[in-house]
Amino acid sequence: MPRDAATRVETVPPDVLALLGLPQFGDLTADQVRGAVCVWGSERLTAERAVDLGEQDGPDGRWWPRGCPACTASRAHRGLFEHAPSCEQCVDSGERCEINRILYRLVRAGHR
């Protein structure tokens, strides 16, 4: 999986993205749709401070959401609590679960 140089985390796979909870396309501003502003907040993003959430399908075609490190970390932290209790791998040993590892990296990247 390729690494994102801006945040030093792996590209966010669909299973992890579902736990982060992207807003509905219709609820976003034009700046959020084009990745200039965090999809969960109003922070303007730069290449150095953005977490790329991957290409998505929207009602008007493709869009490329991005989040600020703080909002992404907060969502990832909640995602860990939602995911871990029902995941056999996480219950046995969290470091064996790819979803757990990616969420944990997103949390850490947001607190740098």
PDB file of N, CA and C in Angstrom:
ATOM      1  N   MET A   1       0.840  -1.172   0.000  1.00  0.00           N
ATOM      2  CA  MET A   1       0.000   0.000   0.000  1.00  0.00           C
ATOM      3  C   MET A   1       0.890   1.242   0.000  1.00  0.00           C
ATOM      4  N   PRO A   2       0.607   2.242  -0.858  1.00  0.00           N
ATOM      5  CA  PRO A   2       1.467   3.417  -0.900  1.00  0.00           C
ATOM      6  C   PRO A   2       1.336   4.269   0.354  1.00  0.00           C
ATOM      7  N   ARG A   3       2.405   4.961   0.660  1.00  0.00           N
ATOM      8  CA  ARG A   3       2.405   5.831   1.828  1.00  0.00           C
ATOM      9  C   ARG A   3       2.120   7.261   1.391  1.00  0.00           C
ATOM     10  N   ASP A   4       1.417   7.993   2.199  1.00  0.00           N
ATOM     11  CA  ASP A   4       1.111   9.391   1.968  1.00  0.00           C
ATOM     12  C   ASP A   4       2.200  10.214   2.665  1.00  0.00           C
ATOM     13  N   ALA A   5       3.014  10.930   1.883  1.00  0.00           N
ATOM     14  CA  ALA A   5       4.158  11.656   2.439  1.00  0.00           C
ATOM     15  C   ALA A   5       3.733  12.747   3.419  1.00  0.00           C
ATOM     16  N   ALA A   6       2.566  13.353   3.199  1.00  0.00           N
ATOM     17  CA  ALA A   6       2.139  14.465   4.059  1.00  0.00           C
ATOM     18  C   ALA A   6       1.861  14.003   5.488  1.00  0.00           C
ATOM     19  N   THR A   7       1.313  12.832   5.659  1.00  0.00           N
ATOM     20  CA  THR A   7       0.942  12.383   6.994  1.00  0.00           C
ATOM     21  C   THR A   7       1.683  11.135   7.433  1.00  0.00           C
ATOM     22  N   ARG A   8       2.445  10.541   6.539  1.00  0.00           N
ATOM     23  CA  ARG A   8       3.196   9.323   6.825  1.00  0.00           C
ATOM     24  C   ARG A   8       2.280   8.170   7.260  1.00  0.00           C
ATOM     25  N   VAL A   9       1.112   8.100   6.670  1.00  0.00           N
ATOM     26  CA  VAL A   9       0.224   6.962   6.906  1.00  0.00           C
ATOM     27  C   VAL A   9      -0.115   6.355   5.559  1.00  0.00           C
ATOM     28  N   GLU A  10      -0.571   5.130   5.597  1.00  0.00           N
ATOM     29  CA  GLU A  10      -0.935   4.449   4.374  1.00  0.00           C
ATOM     30  C   GLU A  10      -2.208   5.064   3.797  1.00  0.00           C
ATOM     31  N   THR A  11      -2.415   4.840   2.509  1.00  0.00           N
ATOM     32  CA  THR A  11      -3.645   5.270   1.876  1.00  0.00           C
ATOM     33  C   THR A  11      -4.815   4.645   2.636  1.00  0.00           C
ATOM     34  N   VAL A  12      -5.848   5.397   2.828  1.00  0.00           N
ATOM     35  CA  VAL A  12      -6.982   4.952   3.642  1.00  0.00           C
ATOM     36  C   VAL A  12      -7.867   3.995   2.830  1.00  0.00           C
ATOM     37  N   PRO A  13      -7.902   2.707   3.212  1.00  0.00           N
ATOM     38  CA  PRO A  13      -8.737   1.741   2.485  1.00  0.00           C
ATOM     39  C   PRO A  13     -10.222   1.923   2.836  1.00  0.00           C
ATOM     40  N   PRO A  14     -11.108   1.377   1.994  1.00  0.00           N
ATOM     41  CA  PRO A  14     -12.551   1.544   2.201  1.00  0.00           C
ATOM     42  C   PRO A  14     -13.062   1.108   3.577  1.00  0.00           C
ATOM     43  N   ASP A  15     -12.536   0.009   4.133  1.00  0.00           N
ATOM     44  CA  ASP A  15     -12.996  -0.456   5.449  1.00  0.00           C
ATOM     45  C   ASP A  15     -12.710   0.576   6.538  1.00  0.00           C
ATOM     46  N   VAL A  16     -11.557   1.227   6.437  1.00  0.00           N
ATOM     47  CA  VAL A  16     -11.191   2.252   7.419  1.00  0.00           C
ATOM     48  C   VAL A  16     -11.998   3.519   7.161  1.00  0.00           C
ATOM     49  N   LEU A  17     -12.154   3.860   5.905  1.00  0.00           N
ATOM     50  CA  LEU A  17     -12.917   5.051   5.545  1.00  0.00           C
ATOM     51  C   LEU A  17     -14.350   4.963   6.068  1.00  0.00           C
ATOM     52  N   ALA A  18     -14.927   3.782   6.030  1.00  0.00           N
ATOM     53  CA  ALA A  18     -16.289   3.592   6.556  1.00  0.00           C
ATOM     54  C   ALA A  18     -16.340   3.903   8.053  1.00  0.00           C
ATOM     55  N   LEU A  19     -15.293   3.551   8.786  1.00  0.00           N
ATOM     56  CA  LEU A  19     -15.253   3.837  10.222  1.00  0.00           C
ATOM     57  C   LEU A  19     -15.032   5.317  10.509  1.00  0.00           C
ATOM     58  N   LEU A  20     -14.376   6.027   9.588  1.00  0.00           N
ATOM     59  CA  LEU A  20     -14.155   7.468   9.767  1.00  0.00           C
ATOM     60  C   LEU A  20     -15.438   8.255   9.540  1.00  0.00           C
ATOM     61  N   GLY A  21     -16.318   7.743   8.704  1.00  0.00           N
ATOM     62  CA  GLY A  21     -17.611   8.388   8.473  1.00  0.00           C
ATOM     63  C   GLY A  21     -17.528   9.668   7.662  1.00  0.00           C
ATOM     64  N   LEU A  22     -17.296   9.533   6.376  1.00  0.00           N
ATOM     65  CA  LEU A  22     -17.309  10.718   5.512  1.00  0.00           C
ATOM     66  C   LEU A  22     -18.693  11.357   5.515  1.00  0.00           C
ATOM     67  N   PRO A  23     -18.748  12.684   5.496  1.00  0.00           N
ATOM     68  CA  PRO A  23     -20.056  13.342   5.381  1.00  0.00           C
ATOM     69  C   PRO A  23     -20.705  13.022   4.033  1.00  0.00           C
ATOM     70  N   GLN A  24     -21.989  13.211   3.949  1.00  0.00           N
ATOM     71  CA  GLN A  24     -22.701  13.038   2.688  1.00  0.00           C
ATOM     72  C   GLN A  24     -22.228  14.097   1.695  1.00  0.00           C
ATOM     73  N   PHE A  25     -22.081  13.713   0.450  1.00  0.00           N
ATOM     74  CA  PHE A  25     -21.598  14.613  -0.593  1.00  0.00           C
ATOM     75  C   PHE A  25     -22.416  15.912  -0.640  1.00  0.00           C
ATOM     76  N   GLY A  26     -23.725  15.787  -0.550  1.00  0.00           N
ATOM     77  CA  GLY A  26     -24.608  16.955  -0.646  1.00  0.00           C
ATOM     78  C   GLY A  26     -24.474  17.932   0.511  1.00  0.00           C
ATOM     79  N   ASP A  27     -23.858  17.511   1.609  1.00  0.00           N
ATOM     80  CA  ASP A  27     -23.676  18.375   2.772  1.00  0.00           C
ATOM     81  C   ASP A  27     -22.375  19.165   2.727  1.00  0.00           C
ATOM     82  N   LEU A  28     -21.549  18.931   1.707  1.00  0.00           N
ATOM     83  CA  LEU A  28     -20.231  19.555   1.637  1.00  0.00           C
ATOM     84  C   LEU A  28     -20.249  20.844   0.826  1.00  0.00           C
ATOM     85  N   THR A  29     -19.325  21.733   1.178  1.00  0.00           N
ATOM     86  CA  THR A  29     -19.133  22.948   0.389  1.00  0.00           C
ATOM     87  C   THR A  29     -18.267  22.605  -0.822  1.00  0.00           C
ATOM     88  N   ALA A  30     -18.204  23.514  -1.771  1.00  0.00           N
ATOM     89  CA  ALA A  30     -17.368  23.304  -2.955  1.00  0.00           C
ATOM     90  C   ALA A  30     -15.900  23.134  -2.556  1.00  0.00           C
ATOM     91  N   ASP A  31     -15.445  23.902  -1.563  1.00  0.00           N
ATOM     92  CA  ASP A  31     -14.056  23.782  -1.102  1.00  0.00           C
ATOM     93  C   ASP A  31     -13.783  22.429  -0.453  1.00  0.00           C
ATOM     94  N   GLN A  32     -14.751  21.881   0.252  1.00  0.00           N
ATOM     95  CA  GLN A  32     -14.581  20.557   0.859  1.00  0.00           C
ATOM     96  C   GLN A  32     -14.545  19.474  -0.222  1.00  0.00           C
ATOM     97  N   VAL A  33     -15.382  19.601  -1.235  1.00  0.00           N
ATOM     98  CA  VAL A  33     -15.423  18.626  -2.322  1.00  0.00           C
ATOM     99  C   VAL A  33     -14.091  18.579  -3.061  1.00  0.00           C
ATOM    100  N   ARG A  34     -13.482  19.734  -3.270  1.00  0.00           N
ATOM    101  CA  ARG A  34     -12.216  19.755  -4.023  1.00  0.00           C
ATOM    102  C   ARG A  34     -10.993  19.552  -3.139  1.00  0.00           C
ATOM    103  N   GLY A  35     -11.189  19.378  -1.828  1.00  0.00           N
ATOM    104  CA  GLY A  35     -10.088  19.055  -0.934  1.00  0.00           C
ATOM    105  C   GLY A  35      -9.314  20.239  -0.404  1.00  0.00           C
ATOM    106  N   ALA A  36      -9.837  21.443  -0.568  1.00  0.00           N
ATOM    107  CA  ALA A  36      -9.150  22.642  -0.065  1.00  0.00           C
ATOM    108  C   ALA A  36      -9.435  22.875   1.415  1.00  0.00           C
ATOM    109  N   VAL A  37     -10.536  22.287   1.905  1.00  0.00           N
ATOM    110  CA  VAL A  37     -10.970  22.452   3.290  1.00  0.00           C
ATOM    111  C   VAL A  37     -11.300  21.065   3.849  1.00  0.00           C
ATOM    112  N   CYS A  38     -11.036  20.866   5.118  1.00  0.00           N
ATOM    113  CA  CYS A  38     -11.324  19.606   5.798  1.00  0.00           C
ATOM    114  C   CYS A  38     -12.795  19.220   5.625  1.00  0.00           C
ATOM    115  N   VAL A  39     -13.049  17.954   5.308  1.00  0.00           N
ATOM    116  CA  VAL A  39     -14.433  17.509   5.113  1.00  0.00           C
ATOM    117  C   VAL A  39     -15.248  17.502   6.398  1.00  0.00           C
ATOM    118  N   TRP A  40     -14.587  17.512   7.559  1.00  0.00           N
ATOM    119  CA  TRP A  40     -15.302  17.509   8.832  1.00  0.00           C
ATOM    120  C   TRP A  40     -15.288  18.855   9.527  1.00  0.00           C
ATOM    121  N   GLY A  41     -14.581  19.802   9.012  1.00  0.00           N
ATOM    122  CA  GLY A  41     -14.472  21.104   9.668  1.00  0.00           C
ATOM    123  C   GLY A  41     -14.305  22.207   8.653  1.00  0.00           C
ATOM    124  N   SER A  42     -13.675  23.283   9.097  1.00  0.00           N
ATOM    125  CA  SER A  42     -13.513  24.429   8.200  1.00  0.00           C
ATOM    126  C   SER A  42     -12.045  24.811   8.004  1.00  0.00           C
ATOM    127  N   GLU A  43     -11.123  23.942   8.483  1.00  0.00           N
ATOM    128  CA  GLU A  43      -9.698  24.250   8.362  1.00  0.00           C
ATOM    129  C   GLU A  43      -9.244  24.164   6.908  1.00  0.00           C
ATOM    130  N   ARG A  44      -8.589  25.226   6.438  1.00  0.00           N
ATOM    131  CA  ARG A  44      -8.005  25.214   5.104  1.00  0.00           C
ATOM    132  C   ARG A  44      -6.822  24.263   5.119  1.00  0.00           C
ATOM    133  N   LEU A  45      -6.659  23.525   4.051  1.00  0.00           N
ATOM    134  CA  LEU A  45      -5.639  22.492   3.987  1.00  0.00           C
ATOM    135  C   LEU A  45      -4.530  22.844   3.009  1.00  0.00           C
ATOM    136  N   THR A  46      -3.336  22.431   3.374  1.00  0.00           N
ATOM    137  CA  THR A  46      -2.186  22.514   2.478  1.00  0.00           C
ATOM    138  C   THR A  46      -1.736  21.088   2.209  1.00  0.00           C
ATOM    139  N   ALA A  47      -0.872  20.922   1.240  1.00  0.00           N
ATOM    140  CA  ALA A  47      -0.372  19.578   0.926  1.00  0.00           C
ATOM    141  C   ALA A  47       0.318  18.960   2.136  1.00  0.00           C
ATOM    142  N   GLU A  48       0.977  19.780   2.938  1.00  0.00           N
ATOM    143  CA  GLU A  48       1.706  19.274   4.107  1.00  0.00           C
ATOM    144  C   GLU A  48       0.782  18.896   5.253  1.00  0.00           C
ATOM    145  N   ARG A  49      -0.394  19.482   5.336  1.00  0.00           N
ATOM    146  CA  ARG A  49      -1.278  19.289   6.487  1.00  0.00           C
ATOM    147  C   ARG A  49      -2.551  18.523   6.162  1.00  0.00           C
ATOM    148  N   ALA A  50      -2.644  17.926   4.996  1.00  0.00           N
ATOM    149  CA  ALA A  50      -3.875  17.240   4.608  1.00  0.00           C
ATOM    150  C   ALA A  50      -3.711  15.733   4.683  1.00  0.00           C
ATOM    151  N   VAL A  51      -4.772  15.054   5.095  1.00  0.00           N
ATOM    152  CA  VAL A  51      -4.834  13.594   5.052  1.00  0.00           C
ATOM    153  C   VAL A  51      -5.718  13.243   3.860  1.00  0.00           C
ATOM    154  N   ASP A  52      -5.118  12.626   2.874  1.00  0.00           N
ATOM    155  CA  ASP A  52      -5.833  12.250   1.657  1.00  0.00           C
ATOM    156  C   ASP A  52      -6.729  11.059   1.964  1.00  0.00           C
ATOM    157  N   LEU A  53      -8.017  11.212   1.724  1.00  0.00           N
ATOM    158  CA  LEU A  53      -8.977  10.157   2.027  1.00  0.00           C
ATOM    159  C   LEU A  53      -9.380   9.366   0.789  1.00  0.00           C
ATOM    160  N   GLY A  54      -8.672   9.590  -0.311  1.00  0.00           N
ATOM    161  CA  GLY A  54      -8.876   8.791  -1.514  1.00  0.00           C
ATOM    162  C   GLY A  54      -9.974   9.294  -2.421  1.00  0.00           C
ATOM    163  N   GLU A  55      -9.971   8.777  -3.591  1.00  0.00           N
ATOM    164  CA  GLU A  55     -10.953   9.136  -4.606  1.00  0.00           C
ATOM    165  C   GLU A  55     -12.305   8.511  -4.269  1.00  0.00           C
ATOM    166  N   GLN A  56     -13.367   9.291  -4.389  1.00  0.00           N
ATOM    167  CA  GLN A  56     -14.714   8.829  -4.064  1.00  0.00           C
ATOM    168  C   GLN A  56     -15.654   9.099  -5.232  1.00  0.00           C
ATOM    169  N   ASP A  57     -16.735   8.342  -5.294  1.00  0.00           N
ATOM    170  CA  ASP A  57     -17.795   8.585  -6.275  1.00  0.00           C
ATOM    171  C   ASP A  57     -18.862   9.442  -5.642  1.00  0.00           C
ATOM    172  N   GLY A  58     -19.194  10.553  -6.298  1.00  0.00           N
ATOM    173  CA  GLY A  58     -20.262  11.429  -5.828  1.00  0.00           C
ATOM    174  C   GLY A  58     -21.344  11.533  -6.874  1.00  0.00           C
ATOM    175  N   PRO A  59     -22.444  12.193  -6.562  1.00  0.00           N
ATOM    176  CA  PRO A  59     -23.542  12.310  -7.523  1.00  0.00           C
ATOM    177  C   PRO A  59     -23.153  13.082  -8.778  1.00  0.00           C
ATOM    178  N   ASP A  60     -22.143  13.928  -8.674  1.00  0.00           N
ATOM    179  CA  ASP A  60     -21.693  14.702  -9.830  1.00  0.00           C
ATOM    180  C   ASP A  60     -20.357  14.209 -10.366  1.00  0.00           C
ATOM    181  N   GLY A  61     -20.007  12.983 -10.039  1.00  0.00           N
ATOM    182  CA  GLY A  61     -18.749  12.417 -10.518  1.00  0.00           C
ATOM    183  C   GLY A  61     -17.778  12.160  -9.384  1.00  0.00           C
ATOM    184  N   ARG A  62     -16.521  12.095  -9.719  1.00  0.00           N
ATOM    185  CA  ARG A  62     -15.469  11.805  -8.742  1.00  0.00           C
ATOM    186  C   ARG A  62     -15.142  13.023  -7.893  1.00  0.00           C
ATOM    187  N   TRP A  63     -14.745  12.752  -6.624  1.00  0.00           N
ATOM    188  CA  TRP A  63     -14.266  13.825  -5.748  1.00  0.00           C
ATOM    189  C   TRP A  63     -13.176  13.272  -4.858  1.00  0.00           C
ATOM    190  N   TRP A  64     -12.351  14.152  -4.311  1.00  0.00           N
ATOM    191  CA  TRP A  64     -11.174  13.755  -3.556  1.00  0.00           C
ATOM    192  C   TRP A  64     -11.172  14.424  -2.193  1.00  0.00           C
ATOM    193  N   PRO A  65     -11.866  13.827  -1.221  1.00  0.00           N
ATOM    194  CA  PRO A  65     -11.931  14.437   0.108  1.00  0.00           C
ATOM    195  C   PRO A  65     -10.593  14.360   0.843  1.00  0.00           C
ATOM    196  N   ARG A  66     -10.372  15.367   1.672  1.00  0.00           N
ATOM    197  CA  ARG A  66      -9.194  15.394   2.534  1.00  0.00           C
ATOM    198  C   ARG A  66      -9.628  15.904   3.891  1.00  0.00           C
ATOM    199  N   GLY A  67      -8.903  15.485   4.912  1.00  0.00           N
ATOM    200  CA  GLY A  67      -9.200  15.924   6.268  1.00  0.00           C
ATOM    201  C   GLY A  67      -7.989  16.577   6.891  1.00  0.00           C
ATOM    202  N   CYS A  68      -8.229  17.418   7.891  1.00  0.00           N
ATOM    203  CA  CYS A  68      -7.107  17.965   8.655  1.00  0.00           C
ATOM    204  C   CYS A  68      -6.649  16.866   9.617  1.00  0.00           C
ATOM    205  N   PRO A  69      -5.396  16.906  10.049  1.00  0.00           N
ATOM    206  CA  PRO A  69      -4.902  15.859  10.950  1.00  0.00           C
ATOM    207  C   PRO A  69      -5.712  15.734  12.246  1.00  0.00           C
ATOM    208  N   ALA A  70      -6.135  16.851  12.819  1.00  0.00           N
ATOM    209  CA  ALA A  70      -6.869  16.791  14.089  1.00  0.00           C
ATOM    210  C   ALA A  70      -8.231  16.120  13.931  1.00  0.00           C
ATOM    211  N   CYS A  71      -8.995  16.507  12.921  1.00  0.00           N
ATOM    212  CA  CYS A  71     -10.317  15.893  12.709  1.00  0.00           C
ATOM    213  C   CYS A  71     -10.177  14.424  12.327  1.00  0.00           C
ATOM    214  N   THR A  72      -9.191  14.114  11.501  1.00  0.00           N
ATOM    215  CA  THR A  72      -8.980  12.729  11.100  1.00  0.00           C
ATOM    216  C   THR A  72      -8.593  11.880  12.299  1.00  0.00           C
ATOM    217  N   ALA A  73      -7.722  12.412  13.151  1.00  0.00           N
ATOM    218  CA  ALA A  73      -7.313  11.680  14.356  1.00  0.00           C
ATOM    219  C   ALA A  73      -8.502  11.438  15.266  1.00  0.00           C
ATOM    220  N   SER A  74      -9.353  12.428  15.442  1.00  0.00           N
ATOM    221  CA  SER A  74     -10.529  12.285  16.290  1.00  0.00           C
ATOM    222  C   SER A  74     -11.466  11.202  15.740  1.00  0.00           C
ATOM    223  N   ARG A  75     -11.688  11.226  14.435  1.00  0.00           N
ATOM    224  CA  ARG A  75     -12.533  10.204  13.802  1.00  0.00           C
ATOM    225  C   ARG A  75     -11.915   8.820  13.906  1.00  0.00           C
ATOM    226  N   ALA A  76     -10.597   8.742  13.718  1.00  0.00           N
ATOM    227  CA  ALA A  76      -9.903   7.459  13.799  1.00  0.00           C
ATOM    228  C   ALA A  76      -9.961   6.896  15.223  1.00  0.00           C
ATOM    229  N   HIS A  77      -9.848   7.768  16.218  1.00  0.00           N
ATOM    230  CA  HIS A  77      -9.919   7.341  17.613  1.00  0.00           C
ATOM    231  C   HIS A  77     -11.289   6.730  17.904  1.00  0.00           C
ATOM    232  N   ARG A  78     -12.339   7.406  17.462  1.00  0.00           N
ATOM    233  CA  ARG A  78     -13.690   6.853  17.633  1.00  0.00           C
ATOM    234  C   ARG A  78     -13.843   5.545  16.876  1.00  0.00           C
ATOM    235  N   GLY A  79     -13.230   5.503  15.666  1.00  0.00           N
ATOM    236  CA  GLY A  79     -13.294   4.291  14.849  1.00  0.00           C
ATOM    237  C   GLY A  79     -12.649   3.100  15.526  1.00  0.00           C
ATOM    238  N   LEU A  80     -11.552   3.344  16.248  1.00  0.00           N
ATOM    239  CA  LEU A  80     -10.904   2.258  16.993  1.00  0.00           C
ATOM    240  C   LEU A  80     -11.849   1.670  18.039  1.00  0.00           C
ATOM    241  N   PHE A  81     -12.543   2.526  18.762  1.00  0.00           N
ATOM    242  CA  PHE A  81     -13.469   2.053  19.790  1.00  0.00           C
ATOM    243  C   PHE A  81     -14.667   1.336  19.186  1.00  0.00           C
ATOM    244  N   GLU A  82     -15.050   1.716  17.986  1.00  0.00           N
ATOM    245  CA  GLU A  82     -16.161   1.050  17.311  1.00  0.00           C
ATOM    246  C   GLU A  82     -15.725  -0.304  16.743  1.00  0.00           C
ATOM    247  N   HIS A  83     -14.522  -0.348  16.200  1.00  0.00           N
ATOM    248  CA  HIS A  83     -14.045  -1.545  15.504  1.00  0.00           C
ATOM    249  C   HIS A  83     -13.508  -2.639  16.435  1.00  0.00           C
ATOM    250  N   ALA A  84     -12.644  -2.275  17.346  1.00  0.00           N
ATOM    251  CA  ALA A  84     -11.872  -3.256  18.122  1.00  0.00           C
ATOM    252  C   ALA A  84     -12.710  -4.280  18.898  1.00  0.00           C
ATOM    253  N   PRO A  85     -13.771  -3.893  19.578  1.00  0.00           N
ATOM    254  CA  PRO A  85     -14.506  -4.891  20.372  1.00  0.00           C
ATOM    255  C   PRO A  85     -15.136  -6.011  19.545  1.00  0.00           C
ATOM    256  N   SER A  86     -15.433  -5.751  18.277  1.00  0.00           N
ATOM    257  CA  SER A  86     -16.095  -6.770  17.464  1.00  0.00           C
ATOM    258  C   SER A  86     -15.148  -7.464  16.486  1.00  0.00           C
ATOM    259  N   CYS A  87     -13.852  -7.169  16.569  1.00  0.00           N
ATOM    260  CA  CYS A  87     -12.867  -7.754  15.657  1.00  0.00           C
ATOM    261  C   CYS A  87     -12.066  -8.838  16.385  1.00  0.00           C
ATOM    262  N   GLU A  88     -12.128 -10.069  15.877  1.00  0.00           N
ATOM    263  CA  GLU A  88     -11.405 -11.175  16.514  1.00  0.00           C
ATOM    264  C   GLU A  88      -9.916 -10.903  16.613  1.00  0.00           C
ATOM    265  N   GLN A  89      -9.335 -10.362  15.539  1.00  0.00           N
ATOM    266  CA  GLN A  89      -7.906 -10.072  15.553  1.00  0.00           C
ATOM    267  C   GLN A  89      -7.566  -9.032  16.606  1.00  0.00           C
ATOM    268  N   CYS A  90      -8.378  -7.987  16.711  1.00  0.00           N
ATOM    269  CA  CYS A  90      -8.123  -6.935  17.694  1.00  0.00           C
ATOM    270  C   CYS A  90      -8.248  -7.448  19.122  1.00  0.00           C
ATOM    271  N   VAL A  91      -9.222  -8.314  19.349  1.00  0.00           N
ATOM    272  CA  VAL A  91      -9.421  -8.876  20.687  1.00  0.00           C
ATOM    273  C   VAL A  91      -8.200  -9.705  21.087  1.00  0.00           C
ATOM    274  N   ASP A  92      -7.671 -10.476  20.140  1.00  0.00           N
ATOM    275  CA  ASP A  92      -6.478 -11.290  20.416  1.00  0.00           C
ATOM    276  C   ASP A  92      -5.217 -10.435  20.515  1.00  0.00           C
ATOM    277  N   SER A  93      -5.004  -9.582  19.506  1.00  0.00           N
ATOM    278  CA  SER A  93      -3.808  -8.744  19.456  1.00  0.00           C
ATOM    279  C   SER A  93      -4.010  -7.682  18.378  1.00  0.00           C
ATOM    280  N   GLY A  94      -4.229  -6.445  18.794  1.00  0.00           N
ATOM    281  CA  GLY A  94      -4.558  -5.364  17.874  1.00  0.00           C
ATOM    282  C   GLY A  94      -3.565  -5.134  16.761  1.00  0.00           C
ATOM    283  N   GLU A  95      -2.285  -5.388  17.021  1.00  0.00           N
ATOM    284  CA  GLU A  95      -1.282  -5.119  15.991  1.00  0.00           C
ATOM    285  C   GLU A  95      -1.379  -6.080  14.802  1.00  0.00           C
ATOM    286  N   ARG A  96      -2.144  -7.145  14.936  1.00  0.00           N
ATOM    287  CA  ARG A  96      -2.339  -8.085  13.833  1.00  0.00           C
ATOM    288  C   ARG A  96      -3.420  -7.629  12.861  1.00  0.00           C
ATOM    289  N   CYS A  97      -4.214  -6.679  13.253  1.00  0.00           N
ATOM    290  CA  CYS A  97      -5.341  -6.214  12.441  1.00  0.00           C
ATOM    291  C   CYS A  97      -4.934  -4.989  11.626  1.00  0.00           C
ATOM    292  N   GLU A  98      -5.058  -5.102  10.313  1.00  0.00           N
ATOM    293  CA  GLU A  98      -4.678  -3.991   9.431  1.00  0.00           C
ATOM    294  C   GLU A  98      -5.524  -2.747   9.703  1.00  0.00           C
ATOM    295  N   ILE A  99      -6.808  -2.908   9.914  1.00  0.00           N
ATOM    296  CA  ILE A  99      -7.688  -1.771  10.180  1.00  0.00           C
ATOM    297  C   ILE A  99      -7.256  -1.066  11.458  1.00  0.00           C
ATOM    298  N   ASN A 100      -6.959  -1.829  12.501  1.00  0.00           N
ATOM    299  CA  ASN A 100      -6.499  -1.267  13.762  1.00  0.00           C
ATOM    300  C   ASN A 100      -5.205  -0.483  13.561  1.00  0.00           C
ATOM    301  N   ARG A 101      -4.266  -1.064  12.822  1.00  0.00           N
ATOM    302  CA  ARG A 101      -2.966  -0.401  12.595  1.00  0.00           C
ATOM    303  C   ARG A 101      -3.129   0.925  11.866  1.00  0.00           C
ATOM    304  N   ILE A 102      -3.977   0.953  10.853  1.00  0.00           N
ATOM    305  CA  ILE A 102      -4.163   2.187  10.080  1.00  0.00           C
ATOM    306  C   ILE A 102      -4.865   3.241  10.934  1.00  0.00           C
ATOM    307  N   LEU A 103      -5.904   2.864  11.659  1.00  0.00           N
ATOM    308  CA  LEU A 103      -6.583   3.822  12.532  1.00  0.00           C
ATOM    309  C   LEU A 103      -5.614   4.381  13.573  1.00  0.00           C
ATOM    310  N   TYR A 104      -4.790   3.516  14.145  1.00  0.00           N
ATOM    311  CA  TYR A 104      -3.816   3.955  15.146  1.00  0.00           C
ATOM    312  C   TYR A 104      -2.820   4.950  14.538  1.00  0.00           C
ATOM    313  N   ARG A 105      -2.355   4.668  13.328  1.00  0.00           N
ATOM    314  CA  ARG A 105      -1.435   5.598  12.652  1.00  0.00           C
ATOM    315  C   ARG A 105      -2.090   6.943  12.382  1.00  0.00           C
ATOM    316  N   LEU A 106      -3.364   6.931  12.007  1.00  0.00           N
ATOM    317  CA  LEU A 106      -4.077   8.193  11.782  1.00  0.00           C
ATOM    318  C   LEU A 106      -4.213   8.991  13.079  1.00  0.00           C
ATOM    319  N   VAL A 107      -4.446   8.298  14.186  1.00  0.00           N
ATOM    320  CA  VAL A 107      -4.525   8.972  15.481  1.00  0.00           C
ATOM    321  C   VAL A 107      -3.179   9.606  15.800  1.00  0.00           C
ATOM    322  N   ARG A 108      -2.115   8.842  15.666  1.00  0.00           N
ATOM    323  CA  ARG A 108      -0.768   9.364  15.977  1.00  0.00           C
ATOM    324  C   ARG A 108      -0.367  10.514  15.062  1.00  0.00           C
ATOM    325  N   ALA A 109      -0.696  10.404  13.777  1.00  0.00           N
ATOM    326  CA  ALA A 109      -0.341  11.474  12.831  1.00  0.00           C
ATOM    327  C   ALA A 109      -1.044  12.769  13.185  1.00  0.00           C
ATOM    328  N   GLY A 110      -2.233  12.670  13.713  1.00  0.00           N
ATOM    329  CA  GLY A 110      -2.986  13.869  14.077  1.00  0.00           C
ATOM    330  C   GLY A 110      -2.504  14.548  15.338  1.00  0.00           C
ATOM    331  N   HIS A 111      -1.684  13.870  16.117  1.00  0.00           N
ATOM    332  CA  HIS A 111      -1.197  14.435  17.375  1.00  0.00           C
ATOM    333  C   HIS A 111       0.257  14.864  17.301  1.00  0.00           C
ATOM    334  N   ARG A 112       0.784  15.000  16.093  1.00  0.00           N
ATOM    335  CA  ARG A 112       2.168  15.455  15.919  1.00  0.00           C
ATOM    336  C   ARG A 112       2.219  16.948  15.871  1.00  0.00           C
TER     337      ARG A 112
END
